[in-house]
Structure formats: C-alpha cells, structure tokens
Amino acid sequence: MLVEKRRENYIVGIAAEFVALANKARNTAAASITSAVELSEENKQELLKVLAKLSGKEVSPTFEVDPSLIGGVVVRVGDKVIDGSIKTRLATLKSRLMSKTS
C-alpha cells in the first residue's frame, strides 16, 4: 500500500511510531544507555531496576560504550535524558569557572 501511494519515504517514521505504540500497550519504555566502559551484568541489572522504578514501566535497554564520556553513564528514556557523565560535569565546571572570571 505504501508503494502504491508513493509513501516509501515514510516507512522509517511509520515503523518508529508502530514500535512506540506497541511499547505503550506493553507498558514498556525503550532506553538507550551509554557508558564510558562496558558495564558488568550486575551493574546493568541494578541500573535497569532503578530505571523501571523511575519510569514505572518495564525497560527495554540498548547498551553502548563511548570512551569519550571519561566516566559515568548517559541514559535516554523517551524524551528524558539523565546525564551522569564526567565529560558533562567537567564542561559544566569549566563553564562556571569561566563565568566567574569574567
């Protein structure tokens, strides 16, 4: 039907919306978790428990490693971002120090 109506360009958006609706029906939230180093299985499970408690939903995670974070984790659940990375903390500290010297 999409091909017949020449709507192939919308397939990615349609699929994303379908996944969002399915997750809502299942009371599941997709989470993207990026850490500076590979998390142990124990740390992953503990983090998932905290995220489930905060969101009130079962969490479906994807884990990534980004060494540029230096330390900590960045969690994205829906439109919420929890940034506990050392990289961001250092940038914030630098900004504060620069504003006080001006």
N, C-alpha and C. Protein backbone atom coordinates (compact mmCIF):
# COMPACT_ATOMS: atom_id res chain seq x y z
N MET A 1 0.81 -1.18 0.00
CA MET A 1 0.00 0.00 0.00
C MET A 1 0.87 1.27 0.00
N LEU A 2 1.95 1.25 0.79
CA LEU A 2 2.84 2.41 0.82
C LEU A 2 3.48 2.66 -0.54
N VAL A 3 3.86 1.58 -1.21
CA VAL A 3 4.47 1.71 -2.52
C VAL A 3 3.45 2.24 -3.53
N GLU A 4 2.25 1.69 -3.48
CA GLU A 4 1.20 2.14 -4.40
C GLU A 4 0.89 3.62 -4.22
N LYS A 5 0.93 4.10 -2.99
CA LYS A 5 0.61 5.50 -2.69
C LYS A 5 1.85 6.40 -2.75
N ARG A 6 3.00 5.79 -3.12
CA ARG A 6 4.28 6.52 -3.21
C ARG A 6 4.66 7.16 -1.87
N ARG A 7 4.58 6.38 -0.83
CA ARG A 7 4.90 6.85 0.52
C ARG A 7 6.07 6.07 1.13
N GLU A 8 6.94 5.52 0.30
CA GLU A 8 8.06 4.71 0.81
C GLU A 8 8.96 5.51 1.74
N ASN A 9 9.06 6.80 1.52
CA ASN A 9 9.94 7.65 2.34
C ASN A 9 9.49 7.71 3.80
N TYR A 10 8.24 7.36 4.05
CA TYR A 10 7.71 7.44 5.41
C TYR A 10 7.84 6.14 6.19
N ILE A 11 8.42 5.12 5.60
CA ILE A 11 8.48 3.80 6.24
C ILE A 11 9.21 3.83 7.58
N VAL A 12 10.31 4.56 7.68
CA VAL A 12 11.07 4.61 8.94
C VAL A 12 10.22 5.25 10.04
N GLY A 13 9.55 6.34 9.73
CA GLY A 13 8.70 7.01 10.72
C GLY A 13 7.52 6.15 11.14
N ILE A 14 6.94 5.45 10.17
CA ILE A 14 5.81 4.57 10.46
C ILE A 14 6.25 3.43 11.39
N ALA A 15 7.41 2.86 11.09
CA ALA A 15 7.93 1.77 11.93
C ALA A 15 8.21 2.27 13.35
N ALA A 16 8.80 3.46 13.47
CA ALA A 16 9.11 4.02 14.79
C ALA A 16 7.83 4.27 15.58
N GLU A 17 6.81 4.78 14.92
CA GLU A 17 5.53 5.03 15.59
C GLU A 17 4.87 3.72 16.01
N PHE A 18 4.97 2.70 15.16
CA PHE A 18 4.41 1.39 15.49
C PHE A 18 5.10 0.82 16.74
N VAL A 19 6.43 0.92 16.80
CA VAL A 19 7.17 0.44 17.97
C VAL A 19 6.75 1.22 19.22
N ALA A 20 6.60 2.53 19.09
CA ALA A 20 6.19 3.35 20.24
C ALA A 20 4.80 2.94 20.74
N LEU A 21 3.88 2.71 19.82
CA LEU A 21 2.53 2.28 20.21
C LEU A 21 2.54 0.89 20.85
N ALA A 22 3.36 -0.01 20.30
CA ALA A 22 3.46 -1.36 20.86
C ALA A 22 4.07 -1.31 22.27
N ASN A 23 5.10 -0.47 22.46
CA ASN A 23 5.72 -0.32 23.78
C ASN A 23 4.72 0.25 24.78
N LYS A 24 3.91 1.21 24.34
CA LYS A 24 2.91 1.80 25.24
C LYS A 24 1.89 0.75 25.65
N ALA A 25 1.47 -0.08 24.71
CA ALA A 25 0.49 -1.13 25.01
C ALA A 25 1.06 -2.16 25.96
N ARG A 26 2.36 -2.42 25.87
CA ARG A 26 3.02 -3.41 26.74
C ARG A 26 3.53 -2.80 28.03
N ASN A 27 3.35 -1.47 28.22
CA ASN A 27 3.88 -0.75 29.37
C ASN A 27 5.41 -0.90 29.45
N THR A 28 6.04 -0.72 28.29
CA THR A 28 7.49 -0.85 28.18
C THR A 28 8.07 0.46 27.68
N ALA A 29 9.24 0.82 28.18
CA ALA A 29 9.94 2.01 27.73
C ALA A 29 11.29 1.61 27.15
N ALA A 30 11.60 2.12 25.97
CA ALA A 30 12.91 1.87 25.36
C ALA A 30 13.92 2.81 26.00
N ALA A 31 15.09 2.28 26.34
CA ALA A 31 16.13 3.08 26.97
C ALA A 31 17.45 2.86 26.25
N SER A 32 18.15 3.96 26.01
CA SER A 32 19.49 3.91 25.43
C SER A 32 20.46 4.28 26.55
N ILE A 33 21.36 3.36 26.86
CA ILE A 33 22.29 3.56 27.97
C ILE A 33 23.70 3.55 27.42
N THR A 34 24.39 4.68 27.57
CA THR A 34 25.76 4.81 27.08
C THR A 34 26.67 5.00 28.27
N SER A 35 27.71 4.18 28.35
CA SER A 35 28.66 4.27 29.45
C SER A 35 30.07 4.43 28.91
N ALA A 36 30.98 4.88 29.77
CA ALA A 36 32.36 5.08 29.36
C ALA A 36 33.09 3.75 29.20
N VAL A 37 32.69 2.77 29.98
CA VAL A 37 33.27 1.43 29.91
C VAL A 37 32.14 0.41 29.88
N GLU A 38 32.45 -0.80 29.49
CA GLU A 38 31.45 -1.87 29.47
C GLU A 38 30.98 -2.14 30.90
N LEU A 39 29.67 -2.11 31.09
CA LEU A 39 29.09 -2.37 32.42
C LEU A 39 29.03 -3.87 32.68
N SER A 40 29.24 -4.24 33.95
CA SER A 40 29.10 -5.64 34.32
C SER A 40 27.62 -6.00 34.29
N GLU A 41 27.33 -7.27 34.22
CA GLU A 41 25.94 -7.72 34.20
C GLU A 41 25.20 -7.28 35.46
N GLU A 42 25.89 -7.31 36.59
CA GLU A 42 25.30 -6.88 37.85
C GLU A 42 24.94 -5.40 37.80
N ASN A 43 25.84 -4.56 37.27
CA ASN A 43 25.57 -3.13 37.15
C ASN A 43 24.42 -2.86 36.20
N LYS A 44 24.35 -3.61 35.11
CA LYS A 44 23.27 -3.44 34.15
C LYS A 44 21.92 -3.73 34.81
N GLN A 45 21.84 -4.84 35.54
CA GLN A 45 20.59 -5.22 36.18
C GLN A 45 20.17 -4.21 37.24
N GLU A 46 21.14 -3.71 38.01
CA GLU A 46 20.85 -2.71 39.04
C GLU A 46 20.34 -1.42 38.40
N LEU A 47 20.97 -0.99 37.31
CA LEU A 47 20.55 0.20 36.60
C LEU A 47 19.14 0.03 36.02
N LEU A 48 18.86 -1.15 35.48
CA LEU A 48 17.52 -1.41 34.92
C LEU A 48 16.44 -1.37 36.00
N LYS A 49 16.77 -1.86 37.20
CA LYS A 49 15.81 -1.81 38.30
C LYS A 49 15.48 -0.37 38.68
N VAL A 50 16.52 0.48 38.73
CA VAL A 50 16.32 1.89 39.07
C VAL A 50 15.49 2.58 37.99
N LEU A 51 15.80 2.31 36.72
CA LEU A 51 15.07 2.93 35.62
C LEU A 51 13.60 2.48 35.60
N ALA A 52 13.36 1.22 35.89
CA ALA A 52 11.99 0.71 35.95
C ALA A 52 11.22 1.40 37.06
N LYS A 53 11.88 1.60 38.19
CA LYS A 53 11.23 2.28 39.32
C LYS A 53 10.93 3.74 38.97
N LEU A 54 11.88 4.42 38.32
CA LEU A 54 11.69 5.83 37.96
C LEU A 54 10.61 6.01 36.89
N SER A 55 10.59 5.12 35.92
CA SER A 55 9.65 5.28 34.80
C SER A 55 8.30 4.63 35.08
N GLY A 56 8.26 3.70 35.99
CA GLY A 56 7.03 2.97 36.26
C GLY A 56 6.70 1.97 35.17
N LYS A 57 7.69 1.66 34.35
CA LYS A 57 7.49 0.73 33.24
C LYS A 57 8.64 -0.27 33.18
N GLU A 58 8.41 -1.36 32.47
CA GLU A 58 9.50 -2.28 32.19
C GLU A 58 10.40 -1.60 31.16
N VAL A 59 11.71 -1.74 31.33
CA VAL A 59 12.66 -1.05 30.47
C VAL A 59 13.28 -2.02 29.48
N SER A 60 13.27 -1.63 28.22
CA SER A 60 13.90 -2.41 27.14
C SER A 60 15.17 -1.66 26.74
N PRO A 61 16.34 -2.12 27.22
CA PRO A 61 17.56 -1.33 27.04
C PRO A 61 18.38 -1.69 25.80
N THR A 62 19.14 -0.71 25.35
CA THR A 62 20.26 -0.93 24.43
C THR A 62 21.47 -0.30 25.10
N PHE A 63 22.55 -1.04 25.14
CA PHE A 63 23.77 -0.57 25.81
C PHE A 63 24.83 -0.24 24.78
N GLU A 64 25.51 0.89 25.00
CA GLU A 64 26.61 1.31 24.14
C GLU A 64 27.77 1.75 25.02
N VAL A 65 28.97 1.75 24.43
CA VAL A 65 30.15 2.22 25.14
C VAL A 65 30.72 3.39 24.36
N ASP A 66 30.99 4.50 25.07
CA ASP A 66 31.60 5.69 24.48
C ASP A 66 32.69 6.18 25.41
N PRO A 67 33.95 5.83 25.12
CA PRO A 67 35.06 6.22 26.00
C PRO A 67 35.21 7.73 26.18
N SER A 68 34.66 8.53 25.26
CA SER A 68 34.80 9.98 25.38
C SER A 68 34.03 10.53 26.58
N LEU A 69 33.15 9.73 27.18
CA LEU A 69 32.42 10.17 28.38
C LEU A 69 33.33 10.26 29.59
N ILE A 70 34.48 9.64 29.53
CA ILE A 70 35.50 9.58 30.58
C ILE A 70 35.05 8.68 31.73
N GLY A 71 33.86 8.84 32.21
CA GLY A 71 33.30 8.03 33.29
C GLY A 71 31.81 8.30 33.39
N GLY A 72 31.09 7.47 34.11
CA GLY A 72 29.66 7.66 34.30
C GLY A 72 28.83 7.10 33.16
N VAL A 73 27.54 7.46 33.15
CA VAL A 73 26.61 6.98 32.13
C VAL A 73 25.68 8.10 31.68
N VAL A 74 25.15 7.93 30.46
CA VAL A 74 24.11 8.80 29.93
C VAL A 74 22.94 7.88 29.58
N VAL A 75 21.77 8.18 30.13
CA VAL A 75 20.58 7.35 29.91
C VAL A 75 19.52 8.18 29.21
N ARG A 76 18.96 7.62 28.15
CA ARG A 76 17.86 8.27 27.44
C ARG A 76 16.65 7.33 27.49
N VAL A 77 15.57 7.80 28.10
CA VAL A 77 14.32 7.05 28.14
C VAL A 77 13.26 7.99 27.58
N GLY A 78 12.80 7.68 26.39
CA GLY A 78 11.85 8.57 25.72
C GLY A 78 12.51 9.91 25.46
N ASP A 79 11.88 10.97 25.92
CA ASP A 79 12.44 12.30 25.72
C ASP A 79 13.23 12.79 26.93
N LYS A 80 13.41 11.93 27.92
CA LYS A 80 14.18 12.29 29.12
C LYS A 80 15.62 11.82 28.98
N VAL A 81 16.55 12.68 29.40
CA VAL A 81 17.96 12.34 29.38
C VAL A 81 18.52 12.55 30.78
N ILE A 82 19.19 11.53 31.29
CA ILE A 82 19.88 11.62 32.57
C ILE A 82 21.36 11.51 32.25
N ASP A 83 22.07 12.62 32.40
CA ASP A 83 23.49 12.67 32.03
C ASP A 83 24.34 12.70 33.29
N GLY A 84 24.93 11.56 33.61
CA GLY A 84 25.81 11.46 34.77
C GLY A 84 27.25 11.24 34.34
N SER A 85 27.61 11.78 33.18
CA SER A 85 28.96 11.55 32.67
C SER A 85 29.95 12.57 33.23
N ILE A 86 31.18 12.15 33.36
CA ILE A 86 32.25 13.03 33.82
C ILE A 86 32.50 14.12 32.78
N LYS A 87 32.36 13.80 31.52
CA LYS A 87 32.56 14.77 30.44
C LYS A 87 31.64 15.97 30.63
N THR A 88 30.37 15.74 30.90
CA THR A 88 29.42 16.82 31.09
C THR A 88 29.70 17.58 32.38
N ARG A 89 30.05 16.87 33.42
CA ARG A 89 30.36 17.54 34.69
C ARG A 89 31.57 18.46 34.54
N LEU A 90 32.59 18.01 33.81
CA LEU A 90 33.77 18.85 33.57
C LEU A 90 33.41 20.07 32.73
N ALA A 91 32.57 19.88 31.72
CA ALA A 91 32.14 21.01 30.88
C ALA A 91 31.36 22.03 31.70
N THR A 92 30.51 21.55 32.60
CA THR A 92 29.73 22.45 33.46
C THR A 92 30.64 23.21 34.41
N LEU A 93 31.61 22.51 34.98
CA LEU A 93 32.57 23.14 35.89
C LEU A 93 33.37 24.20 35.15
N LYS A 94 33.82 23.89 33.96
CA LYS A 94 34.59 24.84 33.15
C LYS A 94 33.75 26.08 32.87
N SER A 95 32.51 25.88 32.51
CA SER A 95 31.61 27.00 32.21
C SER A 95 31.43 27.88 33.44
N ARG A 96 31.25 27.29 34.60
CA ARG A 96 31.07 28.04 35.84
C ARG A 96 32.33 28.85 36.17
N LEU A 97 33.48 28.20 36.03
CA LEU A 97 34.74 28.88 36.33
C LEU A 97 34.98 30.04 35.37
N MET A 98 34.65 29.84 34.10
CA MET A 98 34.87 30.90 33.10
C MET A 98 33.92 32.07 33.34
N SER A 99 32.71 31.80 33.80
CA SER A 99 31.76 32.90 34.04
C SER A 99 32.13 33.71 35.28
N LYS A 100 32.81 33.08 36.23
CA LYS A 100 33.22 33.80 37.46
C LYS A 100 34.44 34.64 37.23
N THR A 101 35.28 34.29 36.26
CA THR A 101 36.50 35.06 36.00
C THR A 101 36.23 36.23 35.07
N SER A 102 35.06 36.25 34.45
CA SER A 102 34.74 37.34 33.50
C SER A 102 34.24 38.57 34.18
